[in-house]
Amino acid sequence: MPSTPAEIFSEINSRITADPAKTAGMNAIYAFDLSGEAPGQYHISLKDGSADVGEGAPENPNITITMKSEDFVDLATGKLDGTMAFMSGKIKIKGDMGLAMKLQSVLR
């Protein structure tokens, strides 16, 4: 089970590469700005079934998600519900809210 944001983003990249149909038709650039125990900036760029996932801030993201790294790990591993996290202020979203809803299918 991945326990750091870097491990999770690496796993997301492997999963999308193994099953590109999962993100077919999605064209979006997600930016993640993580603070807390393992701070960093990450991105997930999806374009017609191909993906670029990794460290660094993307140019012109459609959505920027700001949260603590430990909350991101809990979200990605299913310990934290995305809607509850948003409602309680653990996640801040700037940009296209519709993409936030689709993120759960990308993370899992």
PDB file of N, CA and C in Angstrom:
ATOM      1  N   MET A   1       0.861  -1.190   0.000  1.00  0.00           N
ATOM      2  CA  MET A   1       0.000   0.000   0.000  1.00  0.00           C
ATOM      3  C   MET A   1       0.899   1.242   0.000  1.00  0.00           C
ATOM      4  N   PRO A   2       0.739   2.121  -0.988  1.00  0.00           N
ATOM      5  CA  PRO A   2       1.571   3.326  -1.033  1.00  0.00           C
ATOM      6  C   PRO A   2       1.270   4.222   0.165  1.00  0.00           C
ATOM      7  N   SER A   3       2.305   4.851   0.705  1.00  0.00           N
ATOM      8  CA  SER A   3       2.102   5.658   1.906  1.00  0.00           C
ATOM      9  C   SER A   3       2.594   7.096   1.763  1.00  0.00           C
ATOM     10  N   THR A   4       3.127   7.457   0.585  1.00  0.00           N
ATOM     11  CA  THR A   4       3.543   8.836   0.356  1.00  0.00           C
ATOM     12  C   THR A   4       2.909   9.335  -0.940  1.00  0.00           C
ATOM     13  N   PRO A   5       2.759  10.652  -1.083  1.00  0.00           N
ATOM     14  CA  PRO A   5       2.210  11.175  -2.340  1.00  0.00           C
ATOM     15  C   PRO A   5       3.017  10.716  -3.554  1.00  0.00           C
ATOM     16  N   ALA A   6       4.349  10.701  -3.465  1.00  0.00           N
ATOM     17  CA  ALA A   6       5.177  10.294  -4.610  1.00  0.00           C
ATOM     18  C   ALA A   6       4.865   8.859  -5.019  1.00  0.00           C
ATOM     19  N   GLU A   7       4.699   7.957  -4.040  1.00  0.00           N
ATOM     20  CA  GLU A   7       4.362   6.558  -4.339  1.00  0.00           C
ATOM     21  C   GLU A   7       2.980   6.462  -4.980  1.00  0.00           C
ATOM     22  N   ILE A   8       2.041   7.258  -4.482  1.00  0.00           N
ATOM     23  CA  ILE A   8       0.676   7.227  -5.023  1.00  0.00           C
ATOM     24  C   ILE A   8       0.653   7.728  -6.459  1.00  0.00           C
ATOM     25  N   PHE A   9       1.357   8.835  -6.739  1.00  0.00           N
ATOM     26  CA  PHE A   9       1.372   9.346  -8.112  1.00  0.00           C
ATOM     27  C   PHE A   9       2.059   8.358  -9.053  1.00  0.00           C
ATOM     28  N   SER A  10       3.078   7.664  -8.561  1.00  0.00           N
ATOM     29  CA  SER A  10       3.746   6.639  -9.364  1.00  0.00           C
ATOM     30  C   SER A  10       2.773   5.496  -9.679  1.00  0.00           C
ATOM     31  N   GLU A  11       1.989   5.095  -8.683  1.00  0.00           N
ATOM     32  CA  GLU A  11       1.011   4.027  -8.882  1.00  0.00           C
ATOM     33  C   GLU A  11      -0.100   4.460  -9.842  1.00  0.00           C
ATOM     34  N   ILE A  12      -0.543   5.706  -9.723  1.00  0.00           N
ATOM     35  CA  ILE A  12      -1.568   6.231 -10.637  1.00  0.00           C
ATOM     36  C   ILE A  12      -1.050   6.162 -12.072  1.00  0.00           C
ATOM     37  N   ASN A  13       0.194   6.566 -12.265  1.00  0.00           N
ATOM     38  CA  ASN A  13       0.804   6.528 -13.590  1.00  0.00           C
ATOM     39  C   ASN A  13       0.829   5.097 -14.127  1.00  0.00           C
ATOM     40  N   SER A  14       1.223   4.142 -13.299  1.00  0.00           N
ATOM     41  CA  SER A  14       1.263   2.731 -13.720  1.00  0.00           C
ATOM     42  C   SER A  14      -0.124   2.224 -14.099  1.00  0.00           C
ATOM     43  N   ARG A  15      -1.121   2.576 -13.279  1.00  0.00           N
ATOM     44  CA  ARG A  15      -2.482   2.109 -13.555  1.00  0.00           C
ATOM     45  C   ARG A  15      -3.046   2.686 -14.845  1.00  0.00           C
ATOM     46  N   ILE A  16      -2.807   3.973 -15.098  1.00  0.00           N
ATOM     47  CA  ILE A  16      -3.321   4.600 -16.326  1.00  0.00           C
ATOM     48  C   ILE A  16      -2.600   4.019 -17.539  1.00  0.00           C
ATOM     49  N   THR A  17      -1.293   3.775 -17.408  1.00  0.00           N
ATOM     50  CA  THR A  17      -0.524   3.186 -18.501  1.00  0.00           C
ATOM     51  C   THR A  17      -1.028   1.771 -18.798  1.00  0.00           C
ATOM     52  N   ALA A  18      -1.351   1.022 -17.757  1.00  0.00           N
ATOM     53  CA  ALA A  18      -1.824  -0.359 -17.917  1.00  0.00           C
ATOM     54  C   ALA A  18      -3.243  -0.419 -18.489  1.00  0.00           C
ATOM     55  N   ASP A  19      -4.066   0.588 -18.181  1.00  0.00           N
ATOM     56  CA  ASP A  19      -5.462   0.583 -18.626  1.00  0.00           C
ATOM     57  C   ASP A  19      -5.867   1.970 -19.109  1.00  0.00           C
ATOM     58  N   PRO A  20      -5.403   2.359 -20.326  1.00  0.00           N
ATOM     59  CA  PRO A  20      -5.708   3.705 -20.821  1.00  0.00           C
ATOM     60  C   PRO A  20      -7.197   3.966 -21.022  1.00  0.00           C
ATOM     61  N   ALA A  21      -7.996   2.919 -21.159  1.00  0.00           N
ATOM     62  CA  ALA A  21      -9.442   3.099 -21.354  1.00  0.00           C
ATOM     63  C   ALA A  21     -10.070   3.798 -20.155  1.00  0.00           C
ATOM     64  N   LYS A  22      -9.441   3.662 -19.002  1.00  0.00           N
ATOM     65  CA  LYS A  22      -9.948   4.272 -17.768  1.00  0.00           C
ATOM     66  C   LYS A  22     -10.086   5.789 -17.899  1.00  0.00           C
ATOM     67  N   THR A  23      -9.194   6.395 -18.680  1.00  0.00           N
ATOM     68  CA  THR A  23      -9.220   7.853 -18.828  1.00  0.00           C
ATOM     69  C   THR A  23      -9.545   8.293 -20.250  1.00  0.00           C
ATOM     70  N   ALA A  24     -10.003   7.369 -21.085  1.00  0.00           N
ATOM     71  CA  ALA A  24     -10.347   7.703 -22.467  1.00  0.00           C
ATOM     72  C   ALA A  24     -11.416   8.797 -22.481  1.00  0.00           C
ATOM     73  N   GLY A  25     -11.229   9.781 -23.329  1.00  0.00           N
ATOM     74  CA  GLY A  25     -12.207  10.861 -23.446  1.00  0.00           C
ATOM     75  C   GLY A  25     -12.008  11.975 -22.431  1.00  0.00           C
ATOM     76  N   MET A  26     -11.135  11.763 -21.458  1.00  0.00           N
ATOM     77  CA  MET A  26     -10.872  12.814 -20.474  1.00  0.00           C
ATOM     78  C   MET A  26      -9.718  13.682 -20.966  1.00  0.00           C
ATOM     79  N   ASN A  27      -9.938  14.962 -20.981  1.00  0.00           N
ATOM     80  CA  ASN A  27      -8.886  15.921 -21.308  1.00  0.00           C
ATOM     81  C   ASN A  27      -8.854  16.935 -20.181  1.00  0.00           C
ATOM     82  N   ALA A  28      -7.876  16.775 -19.295  1.00  0.00           N
ATOM     83  CA  ALA A  28      -7.814  17.647 -18.130  1.00  0.00           C
ATOM     84  C   ALA A  28      -6.406  17.688 -17.572  1.00  0.00           C
ATOM     85  N   ILE A  29      -6.082  18.804 -16.953  1.00  0.00           N
ATOM     86  CA  ILE A  29      -4.801  18.934 -16.262  1.00  0.00           C
ATOM     87  C   ILE A  29      -5.109  19.255 -14.806  1.00  0.00           C
ATOM     88  N   TYR A  30      -4.736  18.312 -13.935  1.00  0.00           N
ATOM     89  CA  TYR A  30      -4.916  18.464 -12.500  1.00  0.00           C
ATOM     90  C   TYR A  30      -3.593  18.921 -11.884  1.00  0.00           C
ATOM     91  N   ALA A  31      -3.658  19.934 -11.032  1.00  0.00           N
ATOM     92  CA  ALA A  31      -2.491  20.354 -10.263  1.00  0.00           C
ATOM     93  C   ALA A  31      -2.778  20.051  -8.798  1.00  0.00           C
ATOM     94  N   PHE A  32      -1.794  19.514  -8.114  1.00  0.00           N
ATOM     95  CA  PHE A  32      -1.924  19.207  -6.690  1.00  0.00           C
ATOM     96  C   PHE A  32      -0.869  19.987  -5.935  1.00  0.00           C
ATOM     97  N   ASP A  33      -1.311  20.775  -4.980  1.00  0.00           N
ATOM     98  CA  ASP A  33      -0.406  21.559  -4.156  1.00  0.00           C
ATOM     99  C   ASP A  33      -0.539  21.015  -2.736  1.00  0.00           C
ATOM    100  N   LEU A  34       0.429  20.187  -2.336  1.00  0.00           N
ATOM    101  CA  LEU A  34       0.341  19.484  -1.062  1.00  0.00           C
ATOM    102  C   LEU A  34       1.241  20.125  -0.012  1.00  0.00           C
ATOM    103  N   SER A  35       0.693  20.251   1.189  1.00  0.00           N
ATOM    104  CA  SER A  35       1.457  20.760   2.325  1.00  0.00           C
ATOM    105  C   SER A  35       1.528  19.634   3.359  1.00  0.00           C
ATOM    106  N   GLY A  36       2.000  19.921   4.552  1.00  0.00           N
ATOM    107  CA  GLY A  36       2.008  18.908   5.604  1.00  0.00           C
ATOM    108  C   GLY A  36       3.296  18.110   5.668  1.00  0.00           C
ATOM    109  N   GLU A  37       3.183  16.826   6.026  1.00  0.00           N
ATOM    110  CA  GLU A  37       4.343  15.969   6.278  1.00  0.00           C
ATOM    111  C   GLU A  37       5.221  15.749   5.046  1.00  0.00           C
ATOM    112  N   ALA A  38       4.606  15.648   3.870  1.00  0.00           N
ATOM    113  CA  ALA A  38       5.365  15.405   2.631  1.00  0.00           C
ATOM    114  C   ALA A  38       4.931  16.418   1.569  1.00  0.00           C
ATOM    115  N   PRO A  39       5.325  17.693   1.753  1.00  0.00           N
ATOM    116  CA  PRO A  39       4.859  18.731   0.833  1.00  0.00           C
ATOM    117  C   PRO A  39       5.440  18.559  -0.570  1.00  0.00           C
ATOM    118  N   GLY A  40       4.716  19.086  -1.539  1.00  0.00           N
ATOM    119  CA  GLY A  40       5.203  19.051  -2.907  1.00  0.00           C
ATOM    120  C   GLY A  40       4.115  19.422  -3.886  1.00  0.00           C
ATOM    121  N   GLN A  41       4.523  19.597  -5.136  1.00  0.00           N
ATOM    122  CA  GLN A  41       3.571  19.891  -6.203  1.00  0.00           C
ATOM    123  C   GLN A  41       3.606  18.726  -7.188  1.00  0.00           C
ATOM    124  N   TYR A  42       2.428  18.295  -7.610  1.00  0.00           N
ATOM    125  CA  TYR A  42       2.291  17.161  -8.523  1.00  0.00           C
ATOM    126  C   TYR A  42       1.271  17.510  -9.593  1.00  0.00           C
ATOM    127  N   HIS A  43       1.235  16.697 -10.632  1.00  0.00           N
ATOM    128  CA  HIS A  43       0.257  16.925 -11.696  1.00  0.00           C
ATOM    129  C   HIS A  43      -0.202  15.595 -12.292  1.00  0.00           C
ATOM    130  N   ILE A  44      -1.403  15.639 -12.820  1.00  0.00           N
ATOM    131  CA  ILE A  44      -1.940  14.552 -13.642  1.00  0.00           C
ATOM    132  C   ILE A  44      -2.504  15.231 -14.881  1.00  0.00           C
ATOM    133  N   SER A  45      -1.876  14.973 -16.027  1.00  0.00           N
ATOM    134  CA  SER A  45      -2.361  15.529 -17.290  1.00  0.00           C
ATOM    135  C   SER A  45      -2.937  14.385 -18.109  1.00  0.00           C
ATOM    136  N   LEU A  46      -4.216  14.487 -18.431  1.00  0.00           N
ATOM    137  CA  LEU A  46      -4.901  13.438 -19.184  1.00  0.00           C
ATOM    138  C   LEU A  46      -5.289  13.975 -20.552  1.00  0.00           C
ATOM    139  N   LYS A  47      -5.000  13.193 -21.589  1.00  0.00           N
ATOM    140  CA  LYS A  47      -5.389  13.589 -22.932  1.00  0.00           C
ATOM    141  C   LYS A  47      -5.686  12.342 -23.747  1.00  0.00           C
ATOM    142  N   ASP A  48      -6.968  12.111 -24.004  1.00  0.00           N
ATOM    143  CA  ASP A  48      -7.422  10.994 -24.850  1.00  0.00           C
ATOM    144  C   ASP A  48      -6.756   9.663 -24.515  1.00  0.00           C
ATOM    145  N   GLY A  49      -6.792   9.276 -23.249  1.00  0.00           N
ATOM    146  CA  GLY A  49      -6.287   7.962 -22.867  1.00  0.00           C
ATOM    147  C   GLY A  49      -4.798   7.928 -22.568  1.00  0.00           C
ATOM    148  N   SER A  50      -4.073   9.011 -22.843  1.00  0.00           N
ATOM    149  CA  SER A  50      -2.662   9.043 -22.456  1.00  0.00           C
ATOM    150  C   SER A  50      -2.544   9.945 -21.231  1.00  0.00           C
ATOM    151  N   ALA A  51      -1.478   9.741 -20.468  1.00  0.00           N
ATOM    152  CA  ALA A  51      -1.349  10.510 -19.238  1.00  0.00           C
ATOM    153  C   ALA A  51       0.101  10.869 -18.962  1.00  0.00           C
ATOM    154  N   ASP A  52       0.255  11.996 -18.307  1.00  0.00           N
ATOM    155  CA  ASP A  52       1.553  12.412 -17.786  1.00  0.00           C
ATOM    156  C   ASP A  52       1.311  12.668 -16.307  1.00  0.00           C
ATOM    157  N   VAL A  53       1.922  11.864 -15.461  1.00  0.00           N
ATOM    158  CA  VAL A  53       1.704  11.954 -14.024  1.00  0.00           C
ATOM    159  C   VAL A  53       3.053  12.095 -13.343  1.00  0.00           C
ATOM    160  N   GLY A  54       3.178  13.036 -12.416  1.00  0.00           N
ATOM    161  CA  GLY A  54       4.438  13.134 -11.703  1.00  0.00           C
ATOM    162  C   GLY A  54       4.579  14.391 -10.890  1.00  0.00           C
ATOM    163  N   GLU A  55       5.828  14.673 -10.517  1.00  0.00           N
ATOM    164  CA  GLU A  55       6.124  15.848  -9.706  1.00  0.00           C
ATOM    165  C   GLU A  55       6.193  17.098 -10.563  1.00  0.00           C
ATOM    166  N   GLY A  56       5.931  18.217  -9.911  1.00  0.00           N
ATOM    167  CA  GLY A  56       6.039  19.498 -10.586  1.00  0.00           C
ATOM    168  C   GLY A  56       4.679  20.109 -10.860  1.00  0.00           C
ATOM    169  N   ALA A  57       4.659  21.421 -10.917  1.00  0.00           N
ATOM    170  CA  ALA A  57       3.416  22.137 -11.197  1.00  0.00           C
ATOM    171  C   ALA A  57       3.220  22.237 -12.709  1.00  0.00           C
ATOM    172  N   PRO A  58       2.033  21.909 -13.197  1.00  0.00           N
ATOM    173  CA  PRO A  58       1.773  22.005 -14.641  1.00  0.00           C
ATOM    174  C   PRO A  58       1.459  23.441 -15.050  1.00  0.00           C
ATOM    175  N   GLU A  59       1.612  23.715 -16.331  1.00  0.00           N
ATOM    176  CA  GLU A  59       1.192  25.018 -16.850  1.00  0.00           C
ATOM    177  C   GLU A  59      -0.295  24.962 -17.167  1.00  0.00           C
ATOM    178  N   ASN A  60      -0.999  26.008 -16.854  1.00  0.00           N
ATOM    179  CA  ASN A  60      -2.430  26.152 -17.179  1.00  0.00           C
ATOM    180  C   ASN A  60      -3.286  24.959 -16.741  1.00  0.00           C
ATOM    181  N   PRO A  61      -3.292  24.610 -15.444  1.00  0.00           N
ATOM    182  CA  PRO A  61      -4.152  23.506 -15.013  1.00  0.00           C
ATOM    183  C   PRO A  61      -5.632  23.881 -15.118  1.00  0.00           C
ATOM    184  N   ASN A  62      -6.493  22.880 -15.370  1.00  0.00           N
ATOM    185  CA  ASN A  62      -7.937  23.101 -15.371  1.00  0.00           C
ATOM    186  C   ASN A  62      -8.466  23.170 -13.939  1.00  0.00           C
ATOM    187  N   ILE A  63      -7.744  22.510 -13.032  1.00  0.00           N
ATOM    188  CA  ILE A  63      -8.169  22.454 -11.642  1.00  0.00           C
ATOM    189  C   ILE A  63      -6.927  22.364 -10.761  1.00  0.00           C
ATOM    190  N   THR A  64      -6.943  23.098  -9.656  1.00  0.00           N
ATOM    191  CA  THR A  64      -5.863  23.025  -8.679  1.00  0.00           C
ATOM    192  C   THR A  64      -6.461  22.556  -7.358  1.00  0.00           C
ATOM    193  N   ILE A  65      -5.888  21.505  -6.812  1.00  0.00           N
ATOM    194  CA  ILE A  65      -6.360  20.926  -5.567  1.00  0.00           C
ATOM    195  C   ILE A  65      -5.283  21.161  -4.513  1.00  0.00           C
ATOM    196  N   THR A  66      -5.672  21.823  -3.436  1.00  0.00           N
ATOM    197  CA  THR A  66      -4.747  22.133  -2.353  1.00  0.00           C
ATOM    198  C   THR A  66      -5.198  21.379  -1.114  1.00  0.00           C
ATOM    199  N   MET A  67      -4.264  20.626  -0.515  1.00  0.00           N
ATOM    200  CA  MET A  67      -4.589  19.870   0.692  1.00  0.00           C
ATOM    201  C   MET A  67      -3.307  19.402   1.367  1.00  0.00           C
ATOM    202  N   LYS A  68      -3.440  18.849   2.577  1.00  0.00           N
ATOM    203  CA  LYS A  68      -2.290  18.282   3.271  1.00  0.00           C
ATOM    204  C   LYS A  68      -1.938  16.949   2.631  1.00  0.00           C
ATOM    205  N   SER A  69      -0.657  16.643   2.593  1.00  0.00           N
ATOM    206  CA  SER A  69      -0.201  15.401   1.963  1.00  0.00           C
ATOM    207  C   SER A  69      -0.798  14.178   2.652  1.00  0.00           C
ATOM    208  N   GLU A  70      -0.921  14.214   3.973  1.00  0.00           N
ATOM    209  CA  GLU A  70      -1.485  13.061   4.684  1.00  0.00           C
ATOM    210  C   GLU A  70      -2.965  12.861   4.332  1.00  0.00           C
ATOM    211  N   ASP A  71      -3.696  13.966   4.106  1.00  0.00           N
ATOM    212  CA  ASP A  71      -5.098  13.850   3.676  1.00  0.00           C
ATOM    213  C   ASP A  71      -5.172  13.307   2.252  1.00  0.00           C
ATOM    214  N   PHE A  72      -4.223  13.697   1.398  1.00  0.00           N
ATOM    215  CA  PHE A  72      -4.193  13.172   0.030  1.00  0.00           C
ATOM    216  C   PHE A  72      -3.971  11.660   0.042  1.00  0.00           C
ATOM    217  N   VAL A  73      -3.057  11.193   0.873  1.00  0.00           N
ATOM    218  CA  VAL A  73      -2.793   9.750   0.985  1.00  0.00           C
ATOM    219  C   VAL A  73      -4.063   9.033   1.439  1.00  0.00           C
ATOM    220  N   ASP A  74      -4.750   9.595   2.446  1.00  0.00           N
ATOM    221  CA  ASP A  74      -5.994   8.985   2.924  1.00  0.00           C
ATOM    222  C   ASP A  74      -7.068   8.992   1.841  1.00  0.00           C
ATOM    223  N   LEU A  75      -7.153  10.063   1.066  1.00  0.00           N
ATOM    224  CA  LEU A  75      -8.126  10.159  -0.022  1.00  0.00           C
ATOM    225  C   LEU A  75      -7.841   9.103  -1.090  1.00  0.00           C
ATOM    226  N   ALA A  76      -6.576   8.999  -1.487  1.00  0.00           N
ATOM    227  CA  ALA A  76      -6.201   8.073  -2.557  1.00  0.00           C
ATOM    228  C   ALA A  76      -6.320   6.612  -2.139  1.00  0.00           C
ATOM    229  N   THR A  77      -6.195   6.341  -0.835  1.00  0.00           N
ATOM    230  CA  THR A  77      -6.275   4.952  -0.370  1.00  0.00           C
ATOM    231  C   THR A  77      -7.664   4.598   0.154  1.00  0.00           C
ATOM    232  N   GLY A  78      -8.607   5.543   0.019  1.00  0.00           N
ATOM    233  CA  GLY A  78      -9.991   5.246   0.379  1.00  0.00           C
ATOM    234  C   GLY A  78     -10.341   5.455   1.838  1.00  0.00           C
ATOM    235  N   LYS A  79      -9.424   5.983   2.640  1.00  0.00           N
ATOM    236  CA  LYS A  79      -9.711   6.220   4.059  1.00  0.00           C
ATOM    237  C   LYS A  79     -10.470   7.522   4.271  1.00  0.00           C
ATOM    238  N   LEU A  80     -10.412   8.416   3.276  1.00  0.00           N
ATOM    239  CA  LEU A  80     -11.057   9.723   3.388  1.00  0.00           C
ATOM    240  C   LEU A  80     -11.984   9.907   2.194  1.00  0.00           C
ATOM    241  N   ASP A  81     -13.234  10.260   2.462  1.00  0.00           N
ATOM    242  CA  ASP A  81     -14.208  10.508   1.406  1.00  0.00           C
ATOM    243  C   ASP A  81     -13.990  11.918   0.848  1.00  0.00           C
ATOM    244  N   GLY A  82     -13.897  12.014  -0.476  1.00  0.00           N
ATOM    245  CA  GLY A  82     -13.622  13.291  -1.130  1.00  0.00           C
ATOM    246  C   GLY A  82     -14.644  14.364  -0.821  1.00  0.00           C
ATOM    247  N   THR A  83     -15.915  14.003  -0.848  1.00  0.00           N
ATOM    248  CA  THR A  83     -16.973  14.976  -0.587  1.00  0.00           C
ATOM    249  C   THR A  83     -16.898  15.482   0.846  1.00  0.00           C
ATOM    250  N   MET A  84     -16.709  14.544   1.788  1.00  0.00           N
ATOM    251  CA  MET A  84     -16.603  14.937   3.193  1.00  0.00           C
ATOM    252  C   MET A  84     -15.376  15.823   3.421  1.00  0.00           C
ATOM    253  N   ALA A  85     -14.270  15.474   2.775  1.00  0.00           N
ATOM    254  CA  ALA A  85     -13.041  16.256   2.923  1.00  0.00           C
ATOM    255  C   ALA A  85     -13.246  17.680   2.405  1.00  0.00           C
ATOM    256  N   PHE A  86     -13.962  17.802   1.279  1.00  0.00           N
ATOM    257  CA  PHE A  86     -14.233  19.120   0.709  1.00  0.00           C
ATOM    258  C   PHE A  86     -15.139  19.922   1.646  1.00  0.00           C
ATOM    259  N   MET A  87     -16.198  19.279   2.117  1.00  0.00           N
ATOM    260  CA  MET A  87     -17.165  19.955   2.993  1.00  0.00           C
ATOM    261  C   MET A  87     -16.518  20.410   4.301  1.00  0.00           C
ATOM    262  N   SER A  88     -15.554  19.635   4.805  1.00  0.00           N
ATOM    263  CA  SER A  88     -14.914  19.977   6.079  1.00  0.00           C
ATOM    264  C   SER A  88     -13.707  20.895   5.903  1.00  0.00           C
ATOM    265  N   GLY A  89     -13.423  21.276   4.639  1.00  0.00           N
ATOM    266  CA  GLY A  89     -12.351  22.223   4.382  1.00  0.00           C
ATOM    267  C   GLY A  89     -10.963  21.601   4.272  1.00  0.00           C
ATOM    268  N   LYS A  90     -10.888  20.267   4.238  1.00  0.00           N
ATOM    269  CA  LYS A  90      -9.582  19.611   4.105  1.00  0.00           C
ATOM    270  C   LYS A  90      -9.050  19.711   2.678  1.00  0.00           C
ATOM    271  N   ILE A  91      -9.958  19.925   1.721  1.00  0.00           N
ATOM    272  CA  ILE A  91      -9.570  20.076   0.317  1.00  0.00           C
ATOM    273  C   ILE A  91     -10.051  21.439  -0.161  1.00  0.00           C
ATOM    274  N   LYS A  92      -9.166  22.163  -0.822  1.00  0.00           N
ATOM    275  CA  LYS A  92      -9.549  23.428  -1.456  1.00  0.00           C
ATOM    276  C   LYS A  92      -9.403  23.224  -2.956  1.00  0.00           C
ATOM    277  N   ILE A  93     -10.434  23.628  -3.689  1.00  0.00           N
ATOM    278  CA  ILE A  93     -10.439  23.416  -5.133  1.00  0.00           C
ATOM    279  C   ILE A  93     -10.598  24.746  -5.846  1.00  0.00           C
ATOM    280  N   LYS A  94      -9.722  24.956  -6.825  1.00  0.00           N
ATOM    281  CA  LYS A  94      -9.806  26.153  -7.659  1.00  0.00           C
ATOM    282  C   LYS A  94      -9.909  25.670  -9.096  1.00  0.00           C
ATOM    283  N   GLY A  95     -10.971  26.038  -9.787  1.00  0.00           N
ATOM    284  CA  GLY A  95     -11.121  25.616 -11.177  1.00  0.00           C
ATOM    285  C   GLY A  95     -12.383  24.807 -11.385  1.00  0.00           C
ATOM    286  N   ASP A  96     -12.317  23.854 -12.302  1.00  0.00           N
ATOM    287  CA  ASP A  96     -13.467  23.083 -12.762  1.00  0.00           C
ATOM    288  C   ASP A  96     -13.902  22.022 -11.740  1.00  0.00           C
ATOM    289  N   MET A  97     -15.004  22.304 -11.032  1.00  0.00           N
ATOM    290  CA  MET A  97     -15.505  21.376 -10.010  1.00  0.00           C
ATOM    291  C   MET A  97     -15.905  20.025 -10.604  1.00  0.00           C
ATOM    292  N   GLY A  98     -16.377  20.024 -11.851  1.00  0.00           N
ATOM    293  CA  GLY A  98     -16.767  18.763 -12.492  1.00  0.00           C
ATOM    294  C   GLY A  98     -15.593  17.794 -12.571  1.00  0.00           C
ATOM    295  N   LEU A  99     -14.400  18.336 -12.784  1.00  0.00           N
ATOM    296  CA  LEU A  99     -13.200  17.490 -12.846  1.00  0.00           C
ATOM    297  C   LEU A  99     -12.876  16.897 -11.486  1.00  0.00           C
ATOM    298  N   ALA A 100     -13.199  17.627 -10.421  1.00  0.00           N
ATOM    299  CA  ALA A 100     -12.964  17.105  -9.070  1.00  0.00           C
ATOM    300  C   ALA A 100     -13.794  15.839  -8.859  1.00  0.00           C
ATOM    301  N   MET A 101     -15.005  15.840  -9.384  1.00  0.00           N
ATOM    302  CA  MET A 101     -15.883  14.672  -9.233  1.00  0.00           C
ATOM    303  C   MET A 101     -15.319  13.454  -9.982  1.00  0.00           C
ATOM    304  N   LYS A 102     -14.680  13.688 -11.112  1.00  0.00           N
ATOM    305  CA  LYS A 102     -14.128  12.592 -11.918  1.00  0.00           C
ATOM    306  C   LYS A 102     -12.810  12.064 -11.349  1.00  0.00           C
ATOM    307  N   LEU A 103     -12.204  12.831 -10.445  1.00  0.00           N
ATOM    308  CA  LEU A 103     -10.877  12.460  -9.940  1.00  0.00           C
ATOM    309  C   LEU A 103     -10.886  11.124  -9.201  1.00  0.00           C
ATOM    310  N   GLN A 104     -11.957  10.836  -8.501  1.00  0.00           N
ATOM    311  CA  GLN A 104     -12.023   9.597  -7.734  1.00  0.00           C
ATOM    312  C   GLN A 104     -11.778   8.378  -8.618  1.00  0.00           C
ATOM    313  N   SER A 105     -12.321   8.393  -9.845  1.00  0.00           N
ATOM    314  CA  SER A 105     -12.129   7.255 -10.736  1.00  0.00           C
ATOM    315  C   SER A 105     -10.686   7.166 -11.230  1.00  0.00           C
ATOM    316  N   VAL A 106      -9.987   8.300 -11.255  1.00  0.00           N
ATOM    317  CA  VAL A 106      -8.578   8.304 -11.666  1.00  0.00           C
ATOM    318  C   VAL A 106      -7.689   7.789 -10.528  1.00  0.00           C
ATOM    319  N   LEU A 107      -8.031   8.187  -9.299  1.00  0.00           N
ATOM    320  CA  LEU A 107      -7.223   7.806  -8.138  1.00  0.00           C
ATOM    321  C   LEU A 107      -7.304   6.312  -7.821  1.00  0.00           C
ATOM    322  N   ARG A 108      -8.417   5.687  -8.126  1.00  0.00           N
ATOM    323  CA  ARG A 108      -8.595   4.294  -7.690  1.00  0.00           C
ATOM    324  C   ARG A 108      -8.387   3.311  -8.804  1.00  0.00           C
TER     325      ARG A 108
END
